[in-house]
Amino acid sequence: MTYVRTWGEGEHVAVLIHGIQNDSTTWWRVGPELAARGYRVLAPDLLGHGQSPRGEYTVATMVDALLAAVPARPALAIGHSLGGLLLGHAVDRLAPERAVYEDPAWLAISHELAEGLRAEKDWTEADVAAAAPRWSAETLRYKMSALAAWDPDTAAAVDELPEFEAPPATRPSLVLLADPTVMVPESRLEPLRRKGYTVQPVAGAGHSVHHDEYDTFMSTVDEWTAG
């Protein structure tokens, strides 16, 4: 059964979906902050991550496990990286009132890139700190714990995956990007806007916007949900 971490007991539900190699602890600051704003926050560990089961890893199996673990029609859903890809595939069935795609993995993923992800299983804390120099000691600690629990065979789900074609937005949808981003090609940003997405790069942020620019991430989500 999919493990789901929770914060808060608010009336409105927020679903937080982590990226590959991570688990629900990546939301260690975001989850409690949203709970303080009145949400009941649900953060599942994806298949092959954290405390969730191992098994067959495809985008479809991950989406199905995600949808089975959380209630439909949450007030807010946030998906980071692989989580943003899964949210893109699941959004019509999950039916959140608002969707946030944080630097979503909407690029075409080559076999070489998938194999590179596998290799990061053996990264040390020094390796992670070198790749993410702005992360706090606590964030690094959670990342190392997530890497230890991660099954690198989950890379099979994205191996040679074609570019994700985002459908027209049927609900308020924010694409919050690293600046620069490699996840969503520049040529696709204006088409996304025409499809109804709000597209907002976060200056200075790397791939994990919620770690690199936490205050901006939270204020942007706050302002966008209020608006």
C-alpha atoms as a PDB file:
ATOM      1  CA  MET A   1       0.000   0.000   0.000  1.00  0.00           C
ATOM      2  CA  THR A   2       1.267   3.463  -0.893  1.00  0.00           C
ATOM      3  CA  TYR A   3       2.657   5.329   2.090  1.00  0.00           C
ATOM      4  CA  VAL A   4       1.159   8.786   2.584  1.00  0.00           C
ATOM      5  CA  ARG A   5       2.705  11.382   4.899  1.00  0.00           C
ATOM      6  CA  THR A   6       0.231  13.865   6.363  1.00  0.00           C
ATOM      7  CA  TRP A   7       0.317  17.272   7.977  1.00  0.00           C
ATOM      8  CA  GLY A   8      -2.624  19.174   9.417  1.00  0.00           C
ATOM      9  CA  GLU A   9      -6.335  18.511   9.729  1.00  0.00           C
ATOM     10  CA  GLY A  10      -7.760  21.363   7.706  1.00  0.00           C
ATOM     11  CA  GLU A  11     -10.977  21.342   5.740  1.00  0.00           C
ATOM     12  CA  HIS A  12      -9.250  21.603   2.360  1.00  0.00           C
ATOM     13  CA  VAL A  13      -6.894  18.940   0.975  1.00  0.00           C
ATOM     14  CA  ALA A  14      -3.529  19.621  -0.659  1.00  0.00           C
ATOM     15  CA  VAL A  15      -1.704  16.798  -2.448  1.00  0.00           C
ATOM     16  CA  LEU A  16       2.097  17.067  -2.823  1.00  0.00           C
ATOM     17  CA  ILE A  17       3.821  14.773  -5.348  1.00  0.00           C
ATOM     18  CA  HIS A  18       7.603  14.452  -5.168  1.00  0.00           C
ATOM     19  CA  GLY A  19      10.127  13.806  -7.930  1.00  0.00           C
ATOM     20  CA  ILE A  20      12.294  10.813  -8.790  1.00  0.00           C
ATOM     21  CA  GLN A  21      14.963   9.849  -6.201  1.00  0.00           C
ATOM     22  CA  ASN A  22      13.049  11.739  -3.502  1.00  0.00           C
ATOM     23  CA  ASP A  23      10.137  10.909  -1.240  1.00  0.00           C
ATOM     24  CA  SER A  24       7.517  12.741   0.771  1.00  0.00           C
ATOM     25  CA  THR A  25      10.149  14.191   3.114  1.00  0.00           C
ATOM     26  CA  THR A  26      11.182  16.598   0.347  1.00  0.00           C
ATOM     27  CA  TRP A  27       8.137  18.604   1.469  1.00  0.00           C
ATOM     28  CA  TRP A  28       9.447  18.909   5.042  1.00  0.00           C
ATOM     29  CA  ARG A  29       8.958  22.696   5.017  1.00  0.00           C
ATOM     30  CA  VAL A  30       6.122  23.050   2.494  1.00  0.00           C
ATOM     31  CA  GLY A  31       3.802  20.505   4.133  1.00  0.00           C
ATOM     32  CA  PRO A  32       3.695  22.069   7.612  1.00  0.00           C
ATOM     33  CA  GLU A  33       3.438  25.544   6.086  1.00  0.00           C
ATOM     34  CA  LEU A  34       0.380  24.576   4.043  1.00  0.00           C
ATOM     35  CA  ALA A  35      -1.097  22.879   7.102  1.00  0.00           C
ATOM     36  CA  ALA A  36      -0.717  26.161   8.979  1.00  0.00           C
ATOM     37  CA  ARG A  37      -2.753  27.762   6.198  1.00  0.00           C
ATOM     38  CA  GLY A  38      -5.650  25.393   6.856  1.00  0.00           C
ATOM     39  CA  TYR A  39      -4.960  22.457   4.556  1.00  0.00           C
ATOM     40  CA  ARG A  40      -4.902  18.757   5.287  1.00  0.00           C
ATOM     41  CA  VAL A  41      -1.721  17.945   3.412  1.00  0.00           C
ATOM     42  CA  LEU A  42      -1.202  14.500   1.864  1.00  0.00           C
ATOM     43  CA  ALA A  43       2.222  13.631   0.453  1.00  0.00           C
ATOM     44  CA  PRO A  44       2.484  10.097  -0.951  1.00  0.00           C
ATOM     45  CA  ASP A  45       5.719   8.229  -1.506  1.00  0.00           C
ATOM     46  CA  LEU A  46       5.622   7.186  -5.165  1.00  0.00           C
ATOM     47  CA  LEU A  47       6.125   3.527  -6.089  1.00  0.00           C
ATOM     48  CA  GLY A  48       9.750   2.554  -5.529  1.00  0.00           C
ATOM     49  CA  HIS A  49      10.377   5.527  -3.259  1.00  0.00           C
ATOM     50  CA  GLY A  50      10.416   6.004   0.510  1.00  0.00           C
ATOM     51  CA  GLN A  51       8.141   3.614   2.370  1.00  0.00           C
ATOM     52  CA  SER A  52       5.976   2.658  -0.615  1.00  0.00           C
ATOM     53  CA  PRO A  53       6.068  -0.745  -2.338  1.00  0.00           C
ATOM     54  CA  ARG A  54       8.389  -1.823  -5.117  1.00  0.00           C
ATOM     55  CA  GLY A  55       6.963  -3.263  -8.313  1.00  0.00           C
ATOM     56  CA  GLU A  56       6.480  -2.608 -12.012  1.00  0.00           C
ATOM     57  CA  TYR A  57       7.560   0.934 -12.826  1.00  0.00           C
ATOM     58  CA  THR A  58       5.777   2.701 -15.627  1.00  0.00           C
ATOM     59  CA  VAL A  59       4.145   6.105 -15.740  1.00  0.00           C
ATOM     60  CA  ALA A  60       0.767   4.334 -15.810  1.00  0.00           C
ATOM     61  CA  THR A  61       1.430   2.187 -12.710  1.00  0.00           C
ATOM     62  CA  MET A  62       2.758   5.188 -10.813  1.00  0.00           C
ATOM     63  CA  VAL A  63      -0.265   7.273 -11.746  1.00  0.00           C
ATOM     64  CA  ASP A  64      -2.674   4.503 -10.737  1.00  0.00           C
ATOM     65  CA  ALA A  65      -0.950   4.034  -7.356  1.00  0.00           C
ATOM     66  CA  LEU A  66      -0.996   7.784  -6.765  1.00  0.00           C
ATOM     67  CA  LEU A  67      -4.705   8.075  -7.547  1.00  0.00           C
ATOM     68  CA  ALA A  68      -5.518   5.125  -5.280  1.00  0.00           C
ATOM     69  CA  ALA A  69      -3.671   6.770  -2.375  1.00  0.00           C
ATOM     70  CA  VAL A  70      -5.272  10.224  -2.275  1.00  0.00           C
ATOM     71  CA  PRO A  71      -8.832  11.536  -2.545  1.00  0.00           C
ATOM     72  CA  ALA A  72     -10.112  13.053  -5.754  1.00  0.00           C
ATOM     73  CA  ARG A  73     -10.941  16.746  -6.048  1.00  0.00           C
ATOM     74  CA  PRO A  74      -8.359  18.213  -3.642  1.00  0.00           C
ATOM     75  CA  ALA A  75      -8.239  21.961  -3.366  1.00  0.00           C
ATOM     76  CA  LEU A  76      -4.597  22.001  -4.470  1.00  0.00           C
ATOM     77  CA  ALA A  77      -2.162  19.585  -6.114  1.00  0.00           C
ATOM     78  CA  ILE A  78       1.555  20.300  -6.507  1.00  0.00           C
ATOM     79  CA  GLY A  79       3.831  18.034  -8.528  1.00  0.00           C
ATOM     80  CA  HIS A  80       7.611  18.457  -8.719  1.00  0.00           C
ATOM     81  CA  SER A  81       9.695  17.060 -11.592  1.00  0.00           C
ATOM     82  CA  LEU A  82       8.516  13.450 -12.098  1.00  0.00           C
ATOM     83  CA  GLY A  83       5.641  14.391  -9.805  1.00  0.00           C
ATOM     84  CA  GLY A  84       4.748  17.159 -12.253  1.00  0.00           C
ATOM     85  CA  LEU A  85       4.770  14.640 -15.097  1.00  0.00           C
ATOM     86  CA  LEU A  86       2.534  12.257 -13.153  1.00  0.00           C
ATOM     87  CA  LEU A  87       0.209  15.106 -12.197  1.00  0.00           C
ATOM     88  CA  GLY A  88      -0.039  16.030 -15.871  1.00  0.00           C
ATOM     89  CA  HIS A  89      -1.165  12.494 -16.687  1.00  0.00           C
ATOM     90  CA  ALA A  90      -3.468  12.229 -13.648  1.00  0.00           C
ATOM     91  CA  VAL A  91      -4.972  15.718 -13.500  1.00  0.00           C
ATOM     92  CA  ASP A  92      -8.299  14.946 -15.161  1.00  0.00           C
ATOM     93  CA  ARG A  93      -8.938  11.981 -12.851  1.00  0.00           C
ATOM     94  CA  LEU A  94      -7.537  13.661  -9.730  1.00  0.00           C
ATOM     95  CA  ALA A  95      -9.506  16.816 -10.580  1.00  0.00           C
ATOM     96  CA  PRO A  96      -7.819  19.308  -8.232  1.00  0.00           C
ATOM     97  CA  GLU A  97      -9.316  22.766  -7.995  1.00  0.00           C
ATOM     98  CA  ARG A  98      -5.850  24.166  -8.732  1.00  0.00           C
ATOM     99  CA  ALA A  99      -2.709  22.482 -10.061  1.00  0.00           C
ATOM    100  CA  VAL A 100       0.913  23.580  -9.660  1.00  0.00           C
ATOM    101  CA  TYR A 101       3.609  22.020 -11.837  1.00  0.00           C
ATOM    102  CA  GLU A 102       7.021  22.715 -10.287  1.00  0.00           C
ATOM    103  CA  ASP A 103       9.714  22.421 -12.976  1.00  0.00           C
ATOM    104  CA  PRO A 104       7.844  19.394 -14.350  1.00  0.00           C
ATOM    105  CA  ALA A 105       9.706  16.679 -16.262  1.00  0.00           C
ATOM    106  CA  TRP A 106       7.974  17.412 -19.554  1.00  0.00           C
ATOM    107  CA  LEU A 107      11.120  17.014 -21.673  1.00  0.00           C
ATOM    108  CA  ALA A 108      11.931  13.998 -23.819  1.00  0.00           C
ATOM    109  CA  ILE A 109      14.021  11.675 -21.635  1.00  0.00           C
ATOM    110  CA  SER A 110      16.790   9.693 -23.314  1.00  0.00           C
ATOM    111  CA  HIS A 111      18.178   6.351 -22.221  1.00  0.00           C
ATOM    112  CA  GLU A 112      21.413   8.159 -21.292  1.00  0.00           C
ATOM    113  CA  LEU A 113      19.555  10.549 -18.994  1.00  0.00           C
ATOM    114  CA  ALA A 114      17.663   7.693 -17.337  1.00  0.00           C
ATOM    115  CA  GLU A 115      20.935   5.837 -16.771  1.00  0.00           C
ATOM    116  CA  GLY A 116      22.409   9.014 -15.301  1.00  0.00           C
ATOM    117  CA  LEU A 117      19.579   9.080 -12.775  1.00  0.00           C
ATOM    118  CA  ARG A 118      20.334   5.483 -11.809  1.00  0.00           C
ATOM    119  CA  ALA A 119      23.995   6.341 -11.236  1.00  0.00           C
ATOM    120  CA  GLU A 120      23.057   9.025  -8.721  1.00  0.00           C
ATOM    121  CA  LYS A 121      21.905   6.274  -6.358  1.00  0.00           C
ATOM    122  CA  ASP A 122      25.534   6.082  -5.248  1.00  0.00           C
ATOM    123  CA  TRP A 123      26.001   9.807  -4.666  1.00  0.00           C
ATOM    124  CA  THR A 124      27.492  10.891  -1.373  1.00  0.00           C
ATOM    125  CA  GLU A 125      26.293  13.874   0.620  1.00  0.00           C
ATOM    126  CA  ALA A 126      29.247  15.799  -0.780  1.00  0.00           C
ATOM    127  CA  ASP A 127      28.071  14.993  -4.316  1.00  0.00           C
ATOM    128  CA  VAL A 128      24.558  16.252  -3.560  1.00  0.00           C
ATOM    129  CA  ALA A 129      25.880  19.377  -1.825  1.00  0.00           C
ATOM    130  CA  ALA A 130      28.073  20.152  -4.832  1.00  0.00           C
ATOM    131  CA  ALA A 131      25.067  19.834  -7.166  1.00  0.00           C
ATOM    132  CA  ALA A 132      22.791  21.841  -4.838  1.00  0.00           C
ATOM    133  CA  PRO A 133      25.023  24.274  -2.916  1.00  0.00           C
ATOM    134  CA  ARG A 134      22.106  26.325  -1.574  1.00  0.00           C
ATOM    135  CA  TRP A 135      20.437  23.466   0.255  1.00  0.00           C
ATOM    136  CA  SER A 136      20.355  23.488   4.045  1.00  0.00           C
ATOM    137  CA  ALA A 137      21.907  20.733   6.146  1.00  0.00           C
ATOM    138  CA  GLU A 138      18.425  19.442   6.969  1.00  0.00           C
ATOM    139  CA  THR A 139      17.415  19.307   3.318  1.00  0.00           C
ATOM    140  CA  LEU A 140      20.616  17.395   2.536  1.00  0.00           C
ATOM    141  CA  ARG A 141      19.853  14.968   5.349  1.00  0.00           C
ATOM    142  CA  TYR A 142      16.373  14.256   3.994  1.00  0.00           C
ATOM    143  CA  LYS A 143      17.744  13.866   0.466  1.00  0.00           C
ATOM    144  CA  MET A 144      20.334  11.304   1.556  1.00  0.00           C
ATOM    145  CA  SER A 145      17.674   9.335   3.414  1.00  0.00           C
ATOM    146  CA  ALA A 146      15.444   9.416   0.334  1.00  0.00           C
ATOM    147  CA  LEU A 147      18.299   8.241  -1.913  1.00  0.00           C
ATOM    148  CA  ALA A 148      18.990   5.339   0.438  1.00  0.00           C
ATOM    149  CA  ALA A 149      15.346   4.222   0.251  1.00  0.00           C
ATOM    150  CA  TRP A 150      14.981   4.807  -3.513  1.00  0.00           C
ATOM    151  CA  ASP A 151      14.842   1.917  -5.977  1.00  0.00           C
ATOM    152  CA  PRO A 152      16.864   3.063  -9.012  1.00  0.00           C
ATOM    153  CA  ASP A 153      14.873   0.694 -11.207  1.00  0.00           C
ATOM    154  CA  THR A 154      12.184   3.392 -11.183  1.00  0.00           C
ATOM    155  CA  ALA A 155      14.295   5.035 -13.897  1.00  0.00           C
ATOM    156  CA  ALA A 156      12.743   2.424 -16.211  1.00  0.00           C
ATOM    157  CA  ALA A 157       9.508   4.432 -16.046  1.00  0.00           C
ATOM    158  CA  VAL A 158      11.100   7.373 -17.832  1.00  0.00           C
ATOM    159  CA  ASP A 159      13.692   5.584 -19.978  1.00  0.00           C
ATOM    160  CA  GLU A 160      13.299   6.893 -23.564  1.00  0.00           C
ATOM    161  CA  LEU A 161      10.078   8.655 -22.601  1.00  0.00           C
ATOM    162  CA  PRO A 162       8.804  11.070 -25.264  1.00  0.00           C
ATOM    163  CA  GLU A 163       8.155  14.725 -24.562  1.00  0.00           C
ATOM    164  CA  PHE A 164       4.941  15.249 -22.593  1.00  0.00           C
ATOM    165  CA  GLU A 165       2.341  17.226 -24.490  1.00  0.00           C
ATOM    166  CA  ALA A 166       0.405  19.174 -21.868  1.00  0.00           C
ATOM    167  CA  PRO A 167      -3.324  19.232 -22.590  1.00  0.00           C
ATOM    168  CA  PRO A 168      -5.319  22.464 -22.500  1.00  0.00           C
ATOM    169  CA  ALA A 169      -5.717  23.627 -18.904  1.00  0.00           C
ATOM    170  CA  THR A 170      -9.207  22.830 -17.638  1.00  0.00           C
ATOM    171  CA  ARG A 171      -8.571  24.359 -14.199  1.00  0.00           C
ATOM    172  CA  PRO A 172      -6.279  27.101 -12.882  1.00  0.00           C
ATOM    173  CA  SER A 173      -2.808  25.708 -13.588  1.00  0.00           C
ATOM    174  CA  LEU A 174       0.556  27.230 -12.673  1.00  0.00           C
ATOM    175  CA  VAL A 175       3.851  26.097 -14.214  1.00  0.00           C
ATOM    176  CA  LEU A 176       6.551  27.259 -11.800  1.00  0.00           C
ATOM    177  CA  LEU A 177       9.949  26.923 -13.423  1.00  0.00           C
ATOM    178  CA  ALA A 178      13.632  26.969 -12.565  1.00  0.00           C
ATOM    179  CA  ASP A 179      15.477  29.801 -14.268  1.00  0.00           C
ATOM    180  CA  PRO A 180      16.850  28.614 -16.580  1.00  0.00           C
ATOM    181  CA  THR A 181      14.994  25.333 -16.891  1.00  0.00           C
ATOM    182  CA  VAL A 182      15.856  22.264 -18.929  1.00  0.00           C
ATOM    183  CA  MET A 183      12.565  20.545 -18.138  1.00  0.00           C
ATOM    184  CA  VAL A 184      10.265  22.557 -20.387  1.00  0.00           C
ATOM    185  CA  PRO A 185      11.823  23.774 -23.644  1.00  0.00           C
ATOM    186  CA  GLU A 186      11.669  27.529 -24.224  1.00  0.00           C
ATOM    187  CA  SER A 187       9.756  26.967 -27.455  1.00  0.00           C
ATOM    188  CA  ARG A 188       6.873  25.452 -25.480  1.00  0.00           C
ATOM    189  CA  LEU A 189       6.321  28.263 -22.988  1.00  0.00           C
ATOM    190  CA  GLU A 190       4.165  30.494 -25.164  1.00  0.00           C
ATOM    191  CA  PRO A 191       2.055  27.534 -26.402  1.00  0.00           C
ATOM    192  CA  LEU A 192       1.469  26.622 -22.745  1.00  0.00           C
ATOM    193  CA  ARG A 193       0.229  30.133 -22.058  1.00  0.00           C
ATOM    194  CA  ARG A 194      -2.122  29.870 -25.026  1.00  0.00           C
ATOM    195  CA  LYS A 195      -3.455  26.630 -23.566  1.00  0.00           C
ATOM    196  CA  GLY A 196      -4.391  28.472 -20.376  1.00  0.00           C
ATOM    197  CA  TYR A 197      -1.390  27.827 -18.136  1.00  0.00           C
ATOM    198  CA  THR A 198       0.213  30.525 -16.029  1.00  0.00           C
ATOM    199  CA  VAL A 199       3.954  30.151 -16.672  1.00  0.00           C
ATOM    200  CA  GLN A 200       6.312  31.726 -14.146  1.00  0.00           C
ATOM    201  CA  PRO A 201      10.096  31.273 -13.950  1.00  0.00           C
ATOM    202  CA  VAL A 202      11.637  31.855 -10.508  1.00  0.00           C
ATOM    203  CA  ALA A 203      14.838  33.855 -10.884  1.00  0.00           C
ATOM    204  CA  GLY A 204      17.832  32.139  -9.369  1.00  0.00           C
ATOM    205  CA  ALA A 205      16.074  28.842  -8.693  1.00  0.00           C
ATOM    206  CA  GLY A 206      17.403  25.473  -9.721  1.00  0.00           C
ATOM    207  CA  HIS A 207      15.312  22.389 -10.430  1.00  0.00           C
ATOM    208  CA  SER A 208      14.028  22.115  -6.834  1.00  0.00           C
ATOM    209  CA  VAL A 209      12.390  25.511  -6.579  1.00  0.00           C
ATOM    210  CA  HIS A 210      10.872  24.687  -3.188  1.00  0.00           C
ATOM    211  CA  HIS A 211      14.380  24.202  -1.777  1.00  0.00           C
ATOM    212  CA  ASP A 212      16.362  26.820  -3.691  1.00  0.00           C
ATOM    213  CA  GLU A 213      13.874  29.677  -3.356  1.00  0.00           C
ATOM    214  CA  TYR A 214      11.570  28.516  -0.568  1.00  0.00           C
ATOM    215  CA  ASP A 215      10.171  31.941   0.387  1.00  0.00           C
ATOM    216  CA  THR A 216       9.429  32.818  -3.240  1.00  0.00           C
ATOM    217  CA  PHE A 217       7.902  29.393  -3.815  1.00  0.00           C
ATOM    218  CA  MET A 218       5.533  29.770  -0.871  1.00  0.00           C
ATOM    219  CA  SER A 219       4.601  33.396  -1.576  1.00  0.00           C
ATOM    220  CA  THR A 220       3.916  32.553  -5.235  1.00  0.00           C
ATOM    221  CA  VAL A 221       1.686  29.631  -4.305  1.00  0.00           C
ATOM    222  CA  ASP A 222      -0.087  31.761  -1.700  1.00  0.00           C
ATOM    223  CA  GLU A 223      -0.744  34.622  -4.099  1.00  0.00           C
ATOM    224  CA  TRP A 224      -1.813  32.331  -6.901  1.00  0.00           C
ATOM    225  CA  THR A 225      -4.227  30.279  -4.795  1.00  0.00           C
ATOM    226  CA  ALA A 226      -5.700  33.472  -3.311  1.00  0.00           C
ATOM    227  CA  GLY A 227      -6.171  34.941  -6.776  1.00  0.00           C
END
